[in-house]
Amino acid sequence: MCGRIKRADPLTVQQSFSFNAAGFVRDSNIITKGVTQFGPGGSVRSLRNSTWTNEGVIELDESFAMQGVATILNAPSGTIDITISTISTTLISDETVLPGQEVYTIQNDGLLTKSVPGIGTLISASIENRGDIIADLGTITLSNYLRQTAGRTIVNGGAIVLSMPSRLFRLEGGLLGGTNTFAGRVENTGGSVQPAETQVGPLTIDNDYLQSGTGGLSIQIEGTTPGVTHDQLMVTGLADITGGTLTLNLINNYVPPVGTEFTILTAGSVQGVFTNVLGNGVFEVAFNPTTIVVTFLQLGNLSQLADFDNDNDVDLDDAQFIINCTGSPQQPVVPPCDKADLDGDGDVDLLDYQLFMQAFGP
């Protein structure tokens, strides 16, 4: 197609679709189910006051402009594969975005990926993600907002860059993971940050990391080397933890000696506290000026160990139990207060109460 599509009812393209130079869709809706390719030519293709629903594959190797009220809906079966390796503005939007008034012109429920190396992919349209955004090769640069309510954003062989300081990644659901770099401010209010995702490794956030609400940080541990045998989140700016959950899981049958320390986060500066600490081991969590370090105390799920009355929750009755059992350090513990010795050192003291509060919450 090198001319114009304008029609009242939606146009469905079952097979391949070629979007040639100077072609545009205006005041119409289009559904593509096959492979969409962009023919050669320097003129920018455009979508104006229209909605493009992609249920197939878009091979994006030329610039494409979204004008007026224009939206791309990438369906669960859809793939947008960015195949530009040179410096280029790939998805152009003329939207005016004010903080708190974002309009997400790309709705991704499928896969948005970059399958070729290179640094030259710039997307100026705001994106709402419920599918997968995967940077396996090269760099995807975003100059507008990124919001995620479900799905995954993964940086492995590639990276994702938010190029404007005022823009941020609103992580409201799903996960951010991988072993490379996400360069931008991350505000995690309901998602999960998982370095290396399913493996063990490092993840870099080249900016600030803010965690609150139901946001979570998940760390896997199978050894003592940061970023190699246990996950590590590296933040170049501020790590501000004002709530949420820290999940620490020992994997591959690894059981460290009691007292082993793991630096799970580094940052330019660190402040805050986690609301809950979960996982299959009991750890003491220490916030230092530029690091978060956890110390292994014993095996077990802290939420289960702190449920002293076995009623499937950690509540005020459990709090009263540990208060009644708390004595001086080195004072030998006797039944039934042995259950309150959460760090396994033979007494019930302030550290046990602090561990209890990790399971109890505020």
Protein backbone atom coordinates (compact mmCIF):
# COMPACT_ATOMS: atom_id res chain seq x y z
CA MET A 1 0.00 0.00 0.00
CA CYS A 2 1.38 3.40 -0.98
CA GLY A 3 -1.84 5.42 -0.92
CA ARG A 4 -4.53 6.04 1.68
CA ILE A 5 -7.01 3.89 3.59
CA LYS A 6 -10.10 5.70 4.86
CA ARG A 7 -13.32 3.84 5.59
CA ALA A 8 -16.07 3.71 8.18
CA ASP A 9 -16.01 -0.02 8.93
CA PRO A 10 -12.88 -1.89 10.05
CA LEU A 11 -10.62 -3.32 7.36
CA THR A 12 -9.31 -6.82 8.11
CA VAL A 13 -6.22 -8.04 6.26
CA GLN A 14 -5.96 -11.82 6.55
CA GLN A 15 -2.66 -12.31 4.71
CA SER A 16 0.49 -10.25 4.23
CA PHE A 17 0.30 -6.46 4.15
CA SER A 18 2.88 -4.09 2.69
CA PHE A 19 2.98 -0.54 4.06
CA ASN A 20 4.93 1.35 1.42
CA ALA A 21 6.39 4.85 1.30
CA ALA A 22 3.92 7.66 2.05
CA GLY A 23 1.10 5.22 2.76
CA PHE A 24 -1.29 6.14 5.55
CA VAL A 25 -4.43 5.08 7.35
CA ARG A 26 -6.79 7.91 8.30
CA ASP A 27 -10.02 7.94 10.30
CA SER A 28 -10.27 4.16 10.02
CA ASN A 29 -9.64 0.96 11.92
CA ILE A 30 -7.44 -1.77 10.50
CA ILE A 31 -6.86 -5.35 11.69
CA THR A 32 -3.85 -7.29 10.39
CA LYS A 33 -3.56 -11.04 10.87
CA GLY A 34 -0.56 -11.91 8.70
CA VAL A 35 2.89 -10.41 8.27
CA THR A 36 3.07 -6.63 7.82
CA GLN A 37 6.18 -5.33 6.11
CA PHE A 38 7.31 -1.81 5.27
CA GLY A 39 8.48 -1.28 1.72
CA PRO A 40 11.50 0.84 0.81
CA GLY A 41 11.35 4.60 0.60
CA GLY A 42 12.17 7.63 2.69
CA SER A 43 8.65 8.95 3.26
CA VAL A 44 7.14 8.29 6.67
CA ARG A 45 4.10 6.01 6.87
CA SER A 46 1.35 7.20 9.20
CA LEU A 47 -1.69 6.26 11.24
CA ARG A 48 -4.00 9.21 11.90
CA ASN A 49 -7.11 9.22 14.12
CA SER A 50 -7.24 5.45 13.69
CA THR A 51 -6.70 2.18 15.54
CA TRP A 52 -4.43 -0.57 14.22
CA THR A 53 -5.03 -3.98 15.81
CA ASN A 54 -2.20 -6.40 15.10
CA GLU A 55 -2.89 -10.11 15.47
CA GLY A 56 0.03 -11.19 13.31
CA VAL A 57 3.61 -9.95 12.92
CA ILE A 58 4.74 -6.39 12.23
CA GLU A 59 8.31 -6.26 10.92
CA LEU A 60 9.16 -2.67 11.71
CA ASP A 61 12.17 -1.60 9.69
CA GLU A 62 11.05 1.92 8.71
CA SER A 63 9.75 4.95 10.61
CA PHE A 64 6.04 5.08 11.35
CA ALA A 65 4.10 8.12 12.57
CA MET A 66 1.09 8.07 14.90
CA GLN A 67 -0.87 11.29 14.50
CA GLY A 68 -3.91 12.72 16.27
CA VAL A 69 -5.85 10.10 18.22
CA ALA A 70 -3.97 7.05 16.96
CA THR A 71 -3.52 3.73 18.75
CA ILE A 72 -1.72 0.48 18.05
CA LEU A 73 -3.28 -2.52 19.82
CA ASN A 74 -0.85 -5.44 19.76
CA ALA A 75 -3.08 -8.43 20.52
CA PRO A 76 -1.95 -11.44 22.61
CA SER A 77 -1.14 -13.27 19.37
CA GLY A 78 0.66 -10.26 17.92
CA THR A 79 4.36 -9.51 17.57
CA ILE A 80 6.02 -6.16 16.85
CA ASP A 81 9.59 -6.94 15.83
CA ILE A 82 11.85 -3.89 15.53
CA THR A 83 14.45 -4.70 12.89
CA ILE A 84 16.15 -1.31 12.55
CA SER A 85 19.84 -1.39 13.44
CA THR A 86 20.77 2.20 12.50
CA ILE A 87 19.94 5.41 14.35
CA SER A 88 16.28 6.04 13.58
CA THR A 89 13.05 7.22 15.16
CA THR A 90 10.89 4.16 14.70
CA LEU A 91 7.51 4.89 16.24
CA ILE A 92 6.74 8.60 16.21
CA SER A 93 3.87 10.13 18.16
CA ASP A 94 2.66 13.73 18.24
CA GLU A 95 0.93 13.17 21.58
CA THR A 96 1.36 15.80 24.29
CA VAL A 97 1.82 13.98 27.58
CA LEU A 98 1.51 15.70 30.94
CA PRO A 99 2.35 13.94 34.22
CA GLY A 100 -0.76 12.23 35.55
CA GLN A 101 -2.56 12.60 32.21
CA GLU A 102 -0.82 9.90 30.20
CA VAL A 103 -2.50 8.49 27.12
CA TYR A 104 -0.89 5.22 26.12
CA THR A 105 -0.92 5.06 22.34
CA ILE A 106 0.67 1.61 22.13
CA GLN A 107 -1.26 -1.07 24.01
CA ASN A 108 0.85 -4.23 24.11
CA ASP A 109 -0.74 -7.56 25.02
CA GLY A 110 1.59 -9.56 22.79
CA LEU A 111 5.33 -9.32 22.15
CA LEU A 112 7.30 -6.15 21.50
CA THR A 113 10.92 -7.03 20.77
CA LYS A 114 14.08 -5.99 18.98
CA SER A 115 15.73 -8.83 17.10
CA VAL A 116 18.76 -7.03 15.64
CA PRO A 117 21.72 -5.34 17.35
CA GLY A 118 22.27 -1.60 17.28
CA ILE A 119 21.50 1.46 19.37
CA GLY A 120 19.17 3.26 17.02
CA THR A 121 15.58 2.46 17.96
CA LEU A 122 13.61 5.39 19.40
CA ILE A 123 9.93 5.09 20.32
CA SER A 124 8.31 8.41 21.19
CA ALA A 125 4.84 6.97 21.83
CA SER A 126 3.76 6.07 25.38
CA ILE A 127 3.39 2.33 25.99
CA GLU A 128 1.08 0.36 28.29
CA ASN A 129 2.33 -3.21 28.61
CA ARG A 130 0.35 -6.30 29.56
CA GLY A 131 2.36 -8.67 27.40
CA ASP A 132 6.11 -9.02 26.88
CA ILE A 133 8.68 -6.35 26.07
CA ILE A 134 11.96 -8.15 25.49
CA ALA A 135 15.29 -6.54 24.61
CA ASP A 136 17.50 -9.44 23.55
CA LEU A 137 19.63 -7.44 21.13
CA GLY A 138 20.54 -3.78 20.82
CA THR A 139 18.88 -0.91 22.64
CA ILE A 140 15.25 0.21 22.70
CA THR A 141 15.03 3.90 23.61
CA LEU A 142 11.74 5.30 24.90
CA SER A 143 11.17 9.04 25.11
CA ASN A 144 7.80 8.80 26.82
CA TYR A 145 6.05 6.92 29.62
CA LEU A 146 6.08 3.16 30.09
CA ARG A 147 3.38 1.62 32.25
CA GLN A 148 3.06 -2.08 33.01
CA THR A 149 0.05 -3.69 34.70
CA ALA A 150 0.86 -7.30 33.80
CA GLY A 151 3.33 -9.25 31.69
CA ARG A 152 7.10 -8.85 31.56
CA THR A 153 9.80 -6.37 30.66
CA ILE A 154 13.06 -8.26 30.13
CA VAL A 155 16.55 -6.91 29.41
CA ASN A 156 19.00 -9.67 28.59
CA GLY A 157 21.37 -9.23 25.66
CA GLY A 158 19.81 -5.82 24.99
CA ALA A 159 18.90 -2.76 27.03
CA ILE A 160 15.98 -0.36 27.45
CA VAL A 161 16.59 3.36 27.92
CA LEU A 162 14.15 6.06 29.05
CA SER A 163 15.75 9.06 27.41
CA MET A 164 13.87 11.89 29.15
CA PRO A 165 14.58 12.55 32.87
CA SER A 166 10.93 13.40 33.56
CA ARG A 167 9.69 10.02 32.28
CA LEU A 168 9.54 6.84 34.34
CA PHE A 169 8.58 3.19 34.31
CA ARG A 170 5.35 2.68 36.26
CA LEU A 171 5.65 -0.95 37.35
CA GLU A 172 2.14 -1.70 38.60
CA GLY A 173 2.07 -5.42 37.82
CA GLY A 174 4.05 -8.19 36.17
CA LEU A 175 7.82 -8.23 36.40
CA LEU A 176 10.99 -6.45 35.40
CA GLY A 177 13.90 -8.83 34.97
CA GLY A 178 16.96 -9.82 33.03
CA THR A 179 20.73 -9.51 33.33
CA ASN A 180 21.42 -6.27 31.48
CA THR A 181 20.43 -2.62 32.02
CA PHE A 182 17.17 -0.73 32.34
CA ALA A 183 18.22 2.91 32.12
CA GLY A 184 15.42 4.92 33.68
CA ARG A 185 13.59 5.69 36.91
CA VAL A 186 11.53 2.70 38.10
CA GLU A 187 8.52 3.18 40.36
CA ASN A 188 7.46 -0.27 41.58
CA THR A 189 4.06 -0.11 43.27
CA GLY A 190 2.67 -3.53 42.41
CA GLY A 191 5.07 -5.49 40.24
CA SER A 192 8.09 -7.66 40.91
CA VAL A 193 11.73 -6.94 40.16
CA GLN A 194 13.57 -10.21 39.55
CA PRO A 195 17.23 -9.95 38.52
CA ALA A 196 18.00 -12.57 35.86
CA GLU A 197 14.30 -13.60 36.02
CA THR A 198 14.43 -17.43 36.16
CA GLN A 199 18.21 -17.79 36.58
CA VAL A 200 20.75 -16.12 38.87
CA GLY A 201 22.52 -12.91 37.95
CA PRO A 202 22.69 -9.11 38.12
CA LEU A 203 20.19 -6.49 36.98
CA THR A 204 21.14 -2.83 36.65
CA ILE A 205 18.71 0.08 37.02
CA ASP A 206 20.63 3.09 35.76
CA ASN A 207 18.61 5.69 37.70
CA ASP A 208 16.46 5.62 40.86
CA TYR A 209 14.47 2.64 42.15
CA LEU A 210 11.38 3.31 44.27
CA GLN A 211 9.41 0.47 45.85
CA SER A 212 6.14 0.85 47.75
CA GLY A 213 2.64 -0.61 48.07
CA THR A 214 2.57 -4.22 46.91
CA GLY A 215 5.76 -3.96 44.90
CA GLY A 216 8.34 -6.67 45.41
CA LEU A 217 12.01 -7.53 44.98
CA SER A 218 12.77 -11.22 44.47
CA ILE A 219 16.28 -12.63 45.04
CA GLN A 220 17.52 -16.18 44.38
CA ILE A 221 20.59 -17.48 46.23
CA GLU A 222 22.81 -20.48 45.49
CA GLY A 223 26.19 -19.10 46.57
CA THR A 224 28.04 -16.10 47.94
CA THR A 225 29.27 -14.34 44.77
CA PRO A 226 27.08 -11.29 43.97
CA GLY A 227 25.58 -11.37 40.50
CA VAL A 228 27.07 -14.83 39.81
CA THR A 229 25.71 -17.27 42.39
CA HIS A 230 23.11 -14.98 43.87
CA ASP A 231 20.94 -12.26 42.35
CA GLN A 232 21.90 -8.64 42.84
CA LEU A 233 20.06 -5.43 41.94
CA MET A 234 22.45 -2.59 41.13
CA VAL A 235 20.94 0.90 41.25
CA THR A 236 23.06 3.87 40.19
CA GLY A 237 20.84 6.44 41.93
CA LEU A 238 18.59 6.29 44.99
CA ALA A 239 17.02 3.05 46.21
CA ASP A 240 14.00 4.21 48.22
CA ILE A 241 12.16 1.27 49.81
CA THR A 242 9.00 2.51 51.52
CA GLY A 243 7.22 -0.83 51.69
CA GLY A 244 6.50 -3.90 49.65
CA THR A 245 8.00 -7.34 49.92
CA LEU A 246 11.49 -8.81 49.79
CA THR A 247 11.47 -12.49 48.79
CA LEU A 248 14.64 -14.49 49.44
CA ASN A 249 14.80 -18.05 48.14
CA LEU A 250 17.64 -20.55 48.50
CA ILE A 251 17.80 -22.68 45.35
CA ASN A 252 19.48 -25.87 44.11
CA ASN A 253 19.64 -27.31 47.65
CA TYR A 254 22.03 -24.59 48.80
CA VAL A 255 22.14 -24.08 52.57
CA PRO A 256 24.69 -21.45 53.67
CA PRO A 257 26.41 -21.52 57.05
CA VAL A 258 24.60 -19.51 59.71
CA GLY A 259 25.82 -15.91 59.63
CA THR A 260 26.64 -15.85 55.90
CA GLU A 261 26.04 -12.40 54.40
CA PHE A 262 24.74 -11.58 50.93
CA THR A 263 24.78 -8.10 49.38
CA ILE A 264 21.54 -8.18 47.40
CA LEU A 265 21.35 -4.49 46.43
CA THR A 266 23.81 -1.71 45.81
CA ALA A 267 22.90 1.92 45.12
CA GLY A 268 24.16 5.46 45.19
CA SER A 269 22.16 5.77 48.40
CA VAL A 270 19.71 3.52 50.23
CA GLN A 271 16.81 4.31 52.54
CA GLY A 272 13.60 2.74 53.81
CA VAL A 273 12.34 -0.63 54.98
CA PHE A 274 10.50 -3.63 53.52
CA THR A 275 7.02 -4.34 54.83
CA ASN A 276 7.47 -8.11 54.59
CA VAL A 277 10.35 -10.53 54.11
CA LEU A 278 9.36 -13.90 52.68
CA GLY A 279 11.06 -17.00 51.28
CA ASN A 280 12.37 -20.39 52.33
CA GLY A 281 14.98 -19.08 54.76
CA VAL A 282 15.10 -16.70 57.71
CA PHE A 283 17.35 -13.70 57.09
CA GLU A 284 18.24 -10.57 59.00
CA VAL A 285 17.96 -7.54 56.68
CA ALA A 286 20.31 -4.57 57.13
CA PHE A 287 19.92 -1.23 55.35
CA ASN A 288 23.31 0.44 54.96
CA PRO A 289 24.10 3.81 53.32
CA THR A 290 24.75 2.24 49.90
CA THR A 291 23.80 -1.43 50.25
CA ILE A 292 21.17 -3.84 51.51
CA VAL A 293 22.78 -6.91 53.11
CA VAL A 294 20.95 -10.00 54.32
CA THR A 295 22.37 -12.49 56.83
CA PHE A 296 21.27 -16.12 56.86
CA LEU A 297 19.94 -17.39 60.20
CA GLN A 298 18.07 -20.63 59.58
CA LEU A 299 15.93 -22.55 57.11
CA GLY A 300 12.18 -22.15 57.11
CA ASN A 301 9.41 -19.87 55.93
CA LEU A 302 9.33 -16.89 58.28
CA SER A 303 5.58 -16.35 57.84
CA GLN A 304 4.95 -19.92 58.96
CA LEU A 305 7.49 -19.84 61.79
CA ALA A 306 5.99 -16.60 63.17
CA ASP A 307 2.47 -18.08 63.22
CA PHE A 308 2.95 -19.34 66.76
CA ASP A 309 -0.69 -20.30 67.30
CA ASN A 310 -0.96 -22.11 63.95
CA ASP A 311 -4.09 -20.25 62.81
CA ASN A 312 -2.68 -19.48 59.33
CA ASP A 313 -1.93 -15.82 59.94
CA VAL A 314 0.57 -13.67 61.80
CA ASP A 315 -1.50 -11.38 63.99
CA LEU A 316 -1.70 -9.65 67.37
CA ASP A 317 -2.03 -12.96 69.23
CA ASP A 318 1.35 -14.02 67.81
CA ALA A 319 2.80 -10.61 68.70
CA GLN A 320 1.66 -11.00 72.30
CA PHE A 321 3.20 -14.47 72.42
CA ILE A 322 6.68 -13.30 71.39
CA ILE A 323 6.48 -10.30 73.74
CA ASN A 324 5.67 -12.60 76.64
CA CYS A 325 8.60 -14.85 75.69
CA THR A 326 11.19 -12.13 75.17
CA GLY A 327 13.96 -12.16 77.76
CA SER A 328 17.55 -11.05 78.07
CA PRO A 329 20.12 -12.14 75.46
CA GLN A 330 21.69 -15.51 76.25
CA GLN A 331 18.78 -16.35 78.56
CA PRO A 332 18.04 -20.02 77.70
CA VAL A 333 14.71 -20.54 75.99
CA VAL A 334 12.31 -23.23 77.18
CA PRO A 335 9.09 -24.60 75.65
CA PRO A 336 6.72 -23.26 74.47
CA CYS A 337 8.84 -20.15 73.91
CA ASP A 338 11.34 -22.12 71.84
CA LYS A 339 8.98 -21.45 68.91
CA ALA A 340 9.74 -17.73 69.26
CA ASP A 341 13.49 -18.24 68.82
CA LEU A 342 13.29 -17.23 65.15
CA ASP A 343 17.03 -16.81 64.65
CA GLY A 344 17.81 -20.18 66.21
CA ASP A 345 20.41 -18.90 68.70
CA GLY A 346 18.87 -20.38 71.84
CA ASP A 347 17.20 -17.27 73.26
CA VAL A 348 14.30 -14.91 72.49
CA ASP A 349 15.55 -11.36 72.22
CA LEU A 350 15.23 -8.14 70.21
CA LEU A 351 16.48 -9.71 66.97
CA ASP A 352 13.74 -12.35 67.17
CA TYR A 353 11.16 -9.60 67.62
CA GLN A 354 12.58 -7.71 64.62
CA LEU A 355 12.33 -10.86 62.53
CA PHE A 356 8.78 -11.35 63.71
CA MET A 357 7.89 -7.85 62.52
CA GLN A 358 9.16 -8.74 59.02
CA ALA A 359 6.37 -11.30 58.84
CA PHE A 360 3.81 -9.26 60.76
CA GLY A 361 4.16 -6.04 58.79
CA PRO A 362 3.33 -2.54 60.00
